[in-house]
Amino acid sequence: MITLLAHRLVLLWLALVAPAPHRSARRDERGDVPGWVLVTVMSAGIVVAIGSIAQDELSQMLRNALNKVK
């Protein structure tokens, strides 16, 4: 009885821990699409937030840099 229970627990542990070969191969080719979408959306949000908060300062910095090049 105990060996049967131990055997089933080992099989359950292996099923939970070991990745399935057909799923991992397909996952490697596809990549992490939701992660990249999240990074892109968050980056765009940061750019918009910084641009709206510091628009005057950024414009002045750009004018100063372009005037130094002339």
Protein backbone atom coordinates (compact mmCIF):
# COMPACT_ATOMS: atom_id res chain seq x y z
CA MET A 1 0.00 0.00 0.00
CA ILE A 2 2.75 2.47 0.93
CA THR A 3 4.86 1.61 -2.11
CA LEU A 4 1.87 2.16 -4.39
CA LEU A 5 1.22 5.53 -2.77
CA ALA A 6 4.91 6.45 -3.03
CA HIS A 7 4.95 5.41 -6.68
CA ARG A 8 1.92 7.56 -7.46
CA LEU A 9 3.38 10.52 -5.58
CA VAL A 10 6.61 10.24 -7.58
CA LEU A 11 4.65 10.10 -10.84
CA LEU A 12 2.59 13.12 -9.80
CA TRP A 13 5.72 15.05 -8.85
CA LEU A 14 7.37 14.21 -12.18
CA ALA A 15 4.25 15.25 -14.09
CA LEU A 16 4.19 18.61 -12.32
CA VAL A 17 7.92 19.35 -12.45
CA ALA A 18 9.10 17.93 -15.78
CA PRO A 19 8.00 19.93 -18.84
CA ALA A 20 6.23 18.07 -21.59
CA PRO A 21 8.53 17.82 -24.64
CA HIS A 22 5.90 18.74 -27.22
CA ARG A 23 4.78 21.84 -25.30
CA SER A 24 8.27 23.17 -24.55
CA ALA A 25 9.48 22.85 -28.15
CA ARG A 26 6.49 24.75 -29.49
CA ARG A 27 6.80 27.36 -26.72
CA ASP A 28 10.48 27.98 -27.56
CA GLU A 29 9.64 28.78 -31.19
CA ARG A 30 6.74 31.06 -30.38
CA GLY A 31 8.44 33.14 -27.71
CA ASP A 32 6.86 35.21 -24.97
CA VAL A 33 4.41 37.32 -26.95
CA PRO A 34 2.33 38.63 -24.01
CA GLY A 35 5.51 39.68 -22.22
CA TRP A 36 6.75 41.68 -25.21
CA VAL A 37 3.35 43.32 -25.65
CA LEU A 38 3.37 44.33 -21.98
CA VAL A 39 6.90 45.75 -22.23
CA THR A 40 5.97 47.72 -25.36
CA VAL A 41 2.79 49.15 -23.87
CA MET A 42 4.52 50.07 -20.62
CA SER A 43 7.40 51.73 -22.50
CA ALA A 44 4.97 53.78 -24.58
CA GLY A 45 3.14 54.79 -21.41
CA ILE A 46 6.37 55.93 -19.76
CA VAL A 47 7.31 57.99 -22.83
CA VAL A 48 3.89 59.66 -22.90
CA ALA A 49 3.97 60.36 -19.15
CA ILE A 50 7.46 61.88 -19.23
CA GLY A 51 6.65 63.83 -22.40
CA SER A 52 3.50 65.34 -20.93
CA ILE A 53 5.11 66.22 -17.60
CA ALA A 54 8.42 67.63 -18.87
CA GLN A 55 7.50 68.87 -22.35
CA ASP A 56 8.72 72.44 -21.80
CA GLU A 57 12.02 71.35 -20.24
CA LEU A 58 12.68 68.79 -22.98
CA SER A 59 11.95 71.36 -25.70
CA GLN A 60 14.33 73.83 -24.09
CA MET A 61 17.05 71.16 -23.82
CA LEU A 62 16.63 70.33 -27.51
CA ARG A 63 16.81 74.01 -28.51
CA ASN A 64 19.97 74.50 -26.41
CA ALA A 65 21.62 71.44 -27.97
CA LEU A 66 20.74 72.52 -31.50
CA ASN A 67 21.98 76.07 -30.85
CA LYS A 68 25.35 74.70 -29.67
CA VAL A 69 25.74 72.73 -32.89
CA LYS A 70 25.25 75.83 -35.09
